[in-house]
């Protein structure tokens, strides 16, 4: 069992915790972080990816921008999620 946060997990948390609903992740325990990344965060990243690649209507691109999460940050989170084995596309 791993007891340390992975660099990709840390990067996702650093970025996504800019959103008010995820601000608690910066102080959460590792188990909660991993569950949230594999669940809610991965779903959001899929929706964000589809908004930006398939022109599917959504609100994550706008919400990310509202809270200072740039397009580069979005791409970084997607890359990190993929390295963690999460299917985004």
Protein backbone atom coordinates (compact mmCIF):
# COMPACT_ATOMS: atom_id res chain seq x y z
CA UNK A 1 0.00 0.00 0.00
CA UNK A 2 1.30 3.45 -0.95
CA UNK A 3 1.42 6.11 1.72
CA UNK A 4 2.85 8.99 -0.29
CA UNK A 5 1.11 11.13 -2.83
CA UNK A 6 2.24 10.66 -6.42
CA UNK A 7 3.60 13.74 -8.25
CA UNK A 8 0.73 13.53 -10.78
CA UNK A 9 -1.85 13.35 -7.99
CA UNK A 10 -0.23 16.35 -6.30
CA UNK A 11 -0.31 18.36 -9.52
CA UNK A 12 -3.99 17.62 -10.13
CA UNK A 13 -4.81 18.64 -6.55
CA UNK A 14 -2.71 21.81 -6.80
CA UNK A 15 -4.73 22.92 -9.83
CA UNK A 16 -8.25 21.61 -9.13
CA UNK A 17 -8.25 22.93 -5.56
CA UNK A 18 -8.61 26.43 -7.04
CA UNK A 19 -12.29 25.51 -7.48
CA UNK A 20 -14.20 26.15 -4.23
CA UNK A 21 -15.80 22.68 -4.23
CA UNK A 22 -12.35 21.06 -4.26
CA UNK A 23 -10.45 23.40 -1.92
CA UNK A 24 -10.70 20.76 0.84
CA UNK A 25 -8.51 18.36 -1.19
CA UNK A 26 -5.33 20.24 -0.34
CA UNK A 27 -5.62 18.99 3.25
CA UNK A 28 -7.38 15.65 2.68
CA UNK A 29 -5.86 12.29 3.45
CA UNK A 30 -4.39 10.25 0.62
CA UNK A 31 -7.29 7.79 0.39
CA UNK A 32 -9.84 10.58 -0.06
CA UNK A 33 -7.62 12.30 -2.62
CA UNK A 34 -7.30 9.15 -4.70
CA UNK A 35 -11.04 8.40 -4.54
CA UNK A 36 -11.88 11.95 -5.58
CA UNK A 37 -9.40 11.92 -8.48
CA UNK A 38 -10.66 8.55 -9.77
CA UNK A 39 -14.29 9.59 -9.33
CA UNK A 40 -15.42 13.18 -9.56
CA UNK A 41 -12.24 14.80 -10.88
CA UNK A 42 -11.81 12.26 -13.69
CA UNK A 43 -15.45 12.80 -14.75
CA UNK A 44 -14.91 16.56 -14.81
CA UNK A 45 -11.72 16.19 -16.84
CA UNK A 46 -13.54 13.99 -19.37
CA UNK A 47 -16.27 16.61 -19.73
CA UNK A 48 -13.66 19.38 -20.02
CA UNK A 49 -11.79 17.38 -22.67
CA UNK A 50 -14.99 16.86 -24.70
CA UNK A 51 -15.87 20.55 -24.45
CA UNK A 52 -12.49 21.45 -25.90
CA UNK A 53 -12.05 18.73 -28.53
CA UNK A 54 -15.56 17.84 -29.71
CA UNK A 55 -17.29 21.18 -29.12
CA UNK A 56 -19.75 19.51 -26.78
CA UNK A 57 -21.63 22.09 -24.76
CA UNK A 58 -20.59 22.26 -21.14
CA UNK A 59 -19.52 24.64 -18.44
CA UNK A 60 -16.15 23.40 -17.16
CA UNK A 61 -14.00 25.49 -19.50
CA UNK A 62 -15.81 28.62 -18.36
CA UNK A 63 -15.74 27.62 -14.69
CA UNK A 64 -12.04 26.79 -14.82
CA UNK A 65 -11.30 30.20 -16.33
CA UNK A 66 -13.45 31.91 -13.70
CA UNK A 67 -11.25 30.49 -10.96
CA UNK A 68 -7.90 31.04 -12.68
CA UNK A 69 -7.41 27.56 -14.14
CA UNK A 70 -5.89 28.11 -17.59
CA UNK A 71 -6.09 25.96 -20.69
CA UNK A 72 -2.51 24.89 -19.96
CA UNK A 73 -3.57 23.84 -16.45
CA UNK A 74 -6.43 21.81 -17.93
CA UNK A 75 -4.07 20.04 -20.31
CA UNK A 76 -1.66 19.39 -17.45
CA UNK A 77 -4.39 17.79 -15.33
CA UNK A 78 -5.46 15.60 -18.26
CA UNK A 79 -1.87 14.48 -18.86
CA UNK A 80 -1.42 13.71 -15.15
CA UNK A 81 -4.67 11.76 -15.05
CA UNK A 82 -3.61 9.72 -18.08
CA UNK A 83 -0.27 8.89 -16.43
CA UNK A 84 -2.28 7.67 -13.44
CA UNK A 85 -4.13 5.27 -15.76
CA UNK A 86 -7.36 7.24 -16.00
CA UNK A 87 -9.01 7.18 -19.42
CA UNK A 88 -10.03 10.71 -20.38
CA UNK A 89 -10.99 10.53 -24.06
